[in-house]
C-alpha atoms as a PDB file:
ATOM      1  CA  MET A   1     -21.963 -16.058  -5.979  1.00  0.00           C
ATOM      2  CA  GLU A   2     -20.005 -14.120  -3.382  1.00  0.00           C
ATOM      3  CA  THR A   3     -16.242 -14.522  -3.358  1.00  0.00           C
ATOM      4  CA  ALA A   4     -14.777 -16.074  -0.192  1.00  0.00           C
ATOM      5  CA  THR A   5     -13.172 -13.665   2.250  1.00  0.00           C
ATOM      6  CA  PHE A   6      -9.708 -15.215   1.749  1.00  0.00           C
ATOM      7  CA  ALA A   7      -9.987 -14.630  -1.979  1.00  0.00           C
ATOM      8  CA  GLN A   8     -11.217 -11.057  -1.486  1.00  0.00           C
ATOM      9  CA  LEU A   9      -8.192 -10.238   0.662  1.00  0.00           C
ATOM     10  CA  GLY A  10      -5.922 -11.929  -1.866  1.00  0.00           C
ATOM     11  CA  PHE A  11      -7.383 -10.032  -4.821  1.00  0.00           C
ATOM     12  CA  PHE A  12      -7.079  -6.740  -2.953  1.00  0.00           C
ATOM     13  CA  ALA A  13      -3.497  -7.421  -1.829  1.00  0.00           C
ATOM     14  CA  LYS A  14      -2.438  -8.375  -5.353  1.00  0.00           C
ATOM     15  CA  GLU A  15      -3.856  -5.136  -6.705  1.00  0.00           C
ATOM     16  CA  LEU A  16      -2.041  -3.191  -3.974  1.00  0.00           C
ATOM     17  CA  LEU A  17       1.231  -4.906  -4.887  1.00  0.00           C
ATOM     18  CA  ARG A  18       0.728  -3.968  -8.527  1.00  0.00           C
ATOM     19  CA  MET A  19       0.083  -0.351  -7.512  1.00  0.00           C
ATOM     20  CA  ILE A  20       3.218  -0.285  -5.372  1.00  0.00           C
ATOM     21  CA  ASP A  21       5.219  -1.798  -8.228  1.00  0.00           C
ATOM     22  CA  GLU A  22       3.972   1.000 -10.484  1.00  0.00           C
ATOM     23  CA  GLY A  23       5.212   3.566  -7.958  1.00  0.00           C
ATOM     24  CA  GLN A  24       1.859   4.563  -6.495  1.00  0.00           C
ATOM     25  CA  SER A  25       1.681   5.746  -2.920  1.00  0.00           C
ATOM     26  CA  LEU A  26      -0.824   7.135  -0.453  1.00  0.00           C
ATOM     27  CA  PRO A  27      -0.045   8.898   2.814  1.00  0.00           C
ATOM     28  CA  ILE A  28      -0.261   6.667   5.854  1.00  0.00           C
ATOM     29  CA  ASP A  29      -2.546   9.089   7.702  1.00  0.00           C
ATOM     30  CA  THR A  30      -5.023   9.093   4.789  1.00  0.00           C
ATOM     31  CA  VAL A  31      -5.000   5.295   4.674  1.00  0.00           C
ATOM     32  CA  CYS A  32      -5.527   5.023   8.445  1.00  0.00           C
ATOM     33  CA  GLU A  33      -8.455   7.443   8.334  1.00  0.00           C
ATOM     34  CA  SER A  34     -10.109   5.490   5.506  1.00  0.00           C
ATOM     35  CA  ILE A  35      -9.580   2.174   7.277  1.00  0.00           C
ATOM     36  CA  GLU A  36     -11.185   3.595  10.429  1.00  0.00           C
ATOM     37  CA  ASN A  37     -14.109   4.951   8.367  1.00  0.00           C
ATOM     38  CA  GLY A  38     -14.641   1.601   6.643  1.00  0.00           C
ATOM     39  CA  SER A  39     -13.976   3.102   3.222  1.00  0.00           C
ATOM     40  CA  ILE A  40     -10.463   1.966   2.335  1.00  0.00           C
ATOM     41  CA  VAL A  41     -11.550  -0.007  -0.746  1.00  0.00           C
ATOM     42  CA  GLN A  42     -13.384   3.029  -2.118  1.00  0.00           C
ATOM     43  CA  LEU A  43     -10.366   5.270  -1.435  1.00  0.00           C
ATOM     44  CA  ILE A  44      -8.031   2.905  -3.272  1.00  0.00           C
ATOM     45  CA  ALA A  45     -10.475   2.562  -6.175  1.00  0.00           C
ATOM     46  CA  THR A  46     -10.771   6.346  -6.472  1.00  0.00           C
ATOM     47  CA  LYS A  47      -7.143   7.367  -5.929  1.00  0.00           C
ATOM     48  CA  CYS A  48      -5.295   4.446  -7.524  1.00  0.00           C
ATOM     49  CA  GLY A  49      -7.803   2.464  -9.569  1.00  0.00           C
ATOM     50  CA  PHE A  50      -8.112  -1.275 -10.004  1.00  0.00           C
ATOM     51  CA  LYS A  51      -6.836  -2.875 -13.210  1.00  0.00           C
ATOM     52  CA  ASN A  52      -8.015  -6.427 -12.510  1.00  0.00           C
ATOM     53  CA  ILE A  53     -11.577  -6.611 -13.825  1.00  0.00           C
ATOM     54  CA  ASN A  54     -12.432  -9.004 -10.987  1.00  0.00           C
ATOM     55  CA  VAL A  55     -11.618  -6.375  -8.347  1.00  0.00           C
ATOM     56  CA  SER A  56     -13.987  -3.538  -7.514  1.00  0.00           C
ATOM     57  CA  PRO A  57     -15.673  -2.264  -4.355  1.00  0.00           C
ATOM     58  CA  ASP A  58     -18.614  -4.533  -5.261  1.00  0.00           C
ATOM     59  CA  THR A  59     -16.545  -7.712  -5.664  1.00  0.00           C
ATOM     60  CA  ILE A  60     -14.563  -7.364  -2.428  1.00  0.00           C
ATOM     61  CA  PRO A  61     -17.271  -6.182   0.006  1.00  0.00           C
ATOM     62  CA  ASP A  62     -15.773  -7.798   3.124  1.00  0.00           C
ATOM     63  CA  VAL A  63     -12.374  -6.073   2.937  1.00  0.00           C
ATOM     64  CA  ASN A  64     -13.529  -2.773   4.460  1.00  0.00           C
ATOM     65  CA  GLY A  65     -15.005  -4.532   7.490  1.00  0.00           C
ATOM     66  CA  ILE A  66     -12.004  -6.795   8.008  1.00  0.00           C
ATOM     67  CA  LEU A  67      -9.534  -3.918   7.941  1.00  0.00           C
ATOM     68  CA  LYS A  68     -11.812  -1.691  10.024  1.00  0.00           C
ATOM     69  CA  GLU A  69     -11.380  -4.133  12.913  1.00  0.00           C
ATOM     70  CA  LYS A  70      -7.616  -3.457  12.954  1.00  0.00           C
ATOM     71  CA  TYR A  71      -6.037  -0.847  15.166  1.00  0.00           C
ATOM     72  CA  VAL A  72      -4.287   1.539  12.780  1.00  0.00           C
ATOM     73  CA  SER A  73      -2.282   4.715  13.237  1.00  0.00           C
ATOM     74  CA  GLU A  74       0.784   6.359  11.796  1.00  0.00           C
ATOM     75  CA  ASN A  75       2.669   5.215  14.897  1.00  0.00           C
ATOM     76  CA  GLU A  76       1.541   1.594  14.380  1.00  0.00           C
ATOM     77  CA  ALA A  77       2.840   1.753  10.816  1.00  0.00           C
ATOM     78  CA  ARG A  78       6.199   3.077  12.021  1.00  0.00           C
ATOM     79  CA  VAL A  79       6.419   0.326  14.651  1.00  0.00           C
ATOM     80  CA  ARG A  80       6.113  -2.139  11.758  1.00  0.00           C
ATOM     81  CA  GLY A  81       8.889  -0.321   9.883  1.00  0.00           C
ATOM     82  CA  ILE A  82       6.584   1.419   7.400  1.00  0.00           C
ATOM     83  CA  ASN A  83       7.225   5.142   7.178  1.00  0.00           C
ATOM     84  CA  ASN A  84       6.219   6.385   3.743  1.00  0.00           C
ATOM     85  CA  ASN A  85       3.595   4.403   1.860  1.00  0.00           C
ATOM     86  CA  GLY A  86       0.146   3.618   3.198  1.00  0.00           C
ATOM     87  CA  LEU A  87      -0.369   0.986   0.499  1.00  0.00           C
ATOM     88  CA  ILE A  88       2.451  -1.050   2.012  1.00  0.00           C
ATOM     89  CA  PHE A  89       0.846  -0.681   5.447  1.00  0.00           C
ATOM     90  CA  ILE A  90      -2.385  -2.173   4.061  1.00  0.00           C
ATOM     91  CA  VAL A  91      -0.515  -5.137   2.548  1.00  0.00           C
ATOM     92  CA  HIS A  92       1.188  -5.667   5.907  1.00  0.00           C
ATOM     93  CA  LEU A  93      -2.196  -5.667   7.685  1.00  0.00           C
ATOM     94  CA  ILE A  94      -3.606  -8.198   5.200  1.00  0.00           C
ATOM     95  CA  ILE A  95      -0.617 -10.520   5.561  1.00  0.00           C
ATOM     96  CA  GLU A  96      -0.887 -10.241   9.344  1.00  0.00           C
ATOM     97  CA  ASP A  97      -4.607 -11.032   9.207  1.00  0.00           C
ATOM     98  CA  LEU A  98      -4.166 -14.061   6.961  1.00  0.00           C
ATOM     99  CA  THR A  99      -1.264 -15.353   9.054  1.00  0.00           C
ATOM    100  CA  ASP A 100      -3.308 -15.035  12.255  1.00  0.00           C
ATOM    101  CA  LEU A 101      -6.266 -16.728  10.626  1.00  0.00           C
ATOM    102  CA  LEU A 102      -4.177 -19.636   9.368  1.00  0.00           C
ATOM    103  CA  TYR A 103      -2.592 -20.060  12.804  1.00  0.00           C
ATOM    104  CA  ASN A 104      -6.016 -20.039  14.477  1.00  0.00           C
ATOM    105  CA  LEU A 105      -7.360 -22.633  12.064  1.00  0.00           C
ATOM    106  CA  LYS A 106      -4.415 -24.954  12.619  1.00  0.00           C
ATOM    107  CA  PHE A 107      -4.446 -24.349  16.387  1.00  0.00           C
ATOM    108  CA  ASN A 108      -8.087 -25.454  16.450  1.00  0.00           C
ATOM    109  CA  ASP A 109      -7.400 -28.529  14.272  1.00  0.00           C
ATOM    110  CA  ILE A 110      -9.308 -27.103  11.310  1.00  0.00           C
ATOM    111  CA  ASN A 111      -7.921 -27.964   7.913  1.00  0.00           C
ATOM    112  CA  PRO A 112      -7.382 -24.643   6.101  1.00  0.00           C
ATOM    113  CA  GLU A 113      -7.678 -26.479   2.762  1.00  0.00           C
ATOM    114  CA  GLU A 114     -11.418 -26.734   3.451  1.00  0.00           C
ATOM    115  CA  TYR A 115     -11.653 -22.979   2.910  1.00  0.00           C
ATOM    116  CA  ARG A 116     -10.097 -22.819  -0.541  1.00  0.00           C
ATOM    117  CA  THR A 117     -12.280 -21.438  -3.297  1.00  0.00           C
END
Protein backbone atom coordinates (compact mmCIF):
# COMPACT_ATOMS: atom_id res chain seq x y z
CA MET A 1 0.00 0.00 0.00
CA GLU A 2 1.37 3.39 -0.97
CA THR A 3 1.87 5.94 1.79
CA ALA A 4 -0.25 9.10 1.50
CA THR A 5 1.52 12.18 0.20
CA PHE A 6 1.07 14.04 3.51
CA ALA A 7 2.77 11.19 5.34
CA GLN A 8 5.59 11.03 2.78
CA LEU A 9 6.33 14.73 3.26
CA GLY A 10 6.15 14.29 7.03
CA PHE A 11 8.52 11.31 7.05
CA PHE A 12 10.99 13.17 4.84
CA ALA A 13 10.82 16.37 6.91
CA LYS A 14 11.36 14.44 10.15
CA GLU A 15 14.44 12.78 8.70
CA LEU A 16 15.74 16.18 7.55
CA LEU A 17 15.23 17.59 11.05
CA ARG A 18 17.18 14.69 12.52
CA MET A 19 20.00 15.31 10.04
CA ILE A 20 20.08 19.00 10.90
CA ASP A 21 20.10 18.16 14.60
CA GLU A 22 23.12 15.92 14.00
CA GLY A 23 24.92 18.83 12.32
CA GLN A 24 24.57 17.69 8.72
CA SER A 25 24.43 20.27 5.98
CA LEU A 26 24.31 20.48 2.21
CA PRO A 27 25.02 23.54 0.08
CA ILE A 28 21.93 25.41 -1.02
CA ASP A 29 23.00 25.41 -4.67
CA THR A 30 23.39 21.60 -4.64
CA VAL A 31 19.96 21.20 -3.06
CA CYS A 32 18.35 23.55 -5.59
CA GLU A 33 19.92 21.69 -8.51
CA SER A 34 18.68 18.34 -7.18
CA ILE A 35 15.18 19.69 -6.58
CA GLU A 36 15.07 21.01 -10.15
CA ASN A 37 16.31 17.64 -11.47
CA GLY A 38 13.69 15.73 -9.48
CA SER A 39 16.35 13.83 -7.55
CA ILE A 40 16.42 15.48 -4.13
CA VAL A 41 15.38 12.33 -2.25
CA GLN A 42 18.18 10.35 -3.89
CA LEU A 43 20.71 13.10 -3.09
CA ILE A 44 19.69 13.15 0.57
CA ALA A 45 19.77 9.34 0.76
CA THR A 46 23.26 9.26 -0.76
CA LYS A 47 24.86 12.22 1.03
CA CYS A 48 23.14 12.06 4.43
CA GLY A 49 21.42 8.69 4.70
CA PHE A 50 18.07 7.83 6.22
CA LYS A 51 17.96 6.23 9.67
CA ASN A 52 14.21 5.62 9.82
CA ILE A 53 13.65 2.22 8.22
CA ASN A 54 10.32 3.48 6.86
CA VAL A 55 12.04 6.19 4.79
CA SER A 56 13.82 5.43 1.53
CA PRO A 57 13.55 6.69 -2.04
CA ASP A 58 11.09 3.83 -2.65
CA THR A 59 8.79 4.66 0.28
CA ILE A 60 8.50 8.40 -0.43
CA PRO A 61 8.15 8.42 -4.24
CA ASP A 62 5.99 11.57 -4.44
CA VAL A 63 8.42 13.90 -2.65
CA ASN A 64 10.67 14.51 -5.67
CA GLY A 65 7.72 15.55 -7.83
CA ILE A 66 6.17 17.77 -5.17
CA LEU A 67 9.40 19.66 -4.55
CA LYS A 68 10.22 19.82 -8.26
CA GLU A 69 7.13 22.00 -8.74
CA LYS A 70 8.61 24.65 -6.42
CA TYR A 71 10.64 27.57 -7.68
CA VAL A 72 14.02 27.24 -5.97
CA SER A 73 17.24 29.22 -6.11
CA GLU A 74 19.93 30.41 -3.76
CA ASN A 75 18.30 33.84 -3.87
CA GLU A 76 14.89 32.38 -2.91
CA ALA A 77 16.52 30.69 0.07
CA ARG A 78 18.11 33.97 1.16
CA VAL A 79 14.78 35.78 0.81
CA ARG A 80 13.41 33.26 3.31
CA GLY A 81 16.33 33.95 5.65
CA ILE A 82 18.21 30.73 4.86
CA ASN A 83 21.84 31.33 3.98
CA ASN A 84 23.87 28.26 4.86
CA ASN A 85 22.07 24.93 4.95
CA GLY A 86 20.11 23.48 2.06
CA LEU A 87 18.47 20.94 4.37
CA ILE A 88 16.77 23.78 6.22
CA PHE A 89 15.60 25.21 2.89
CA ILE A 90 13.94 21.87 2.07
CA VAL A 91 12.16 21.78 5.44
CA HIS A 92 10.96 25.34 4.81
CA LEU A 93 9.59 24.32 1.39
CA ILE A 94 7.77 21.33 2.90
CA ILE A 95 6.22 23.42 5.68
CA GLU A 96 5.16 26.01 3.10
CA ASP A 97 3.62 23.31 0.91
CA LEU A 98 1.69 21.71 3.76
CA THR A 99 0.49 25.09 5.02
CA ASP A 100 -0.75 26.05 1.55
CA LEU A 101 -2.45 22.70 1.15
CA LEU A 102 -4.20 22.95 4.50
CA TYR A 103 -5.36 26.49 3.69
CA ASN A 104 -6.69 25.37 0.30
CA LEU A 105 -8.58 22.47 1.84
CA LYS A 106 -10.20 24.68 4.47
CA PHE A 107 -10.90 27.45 1.94
CA ASN A 108 -12.77 24.91 -0.19
CA ASP A 109 -14.71 23.53 2.81
CA ILE A 110 -12.87 20.20 2.71
CA ASN A 111 -12.22 18.60 6.06
CA PRO A 112 -8.45 17.95 6.22
CA GLU A 113 -9.10 15.16 8.75
CA GLU A 114 -10.43 13.09 5.84
CA TYR A 115 -6.87 12.87 4.52
CA ARG A 116 -5.22 11.44 7.62
CA THR A 117 -3.56 8.07 7.22
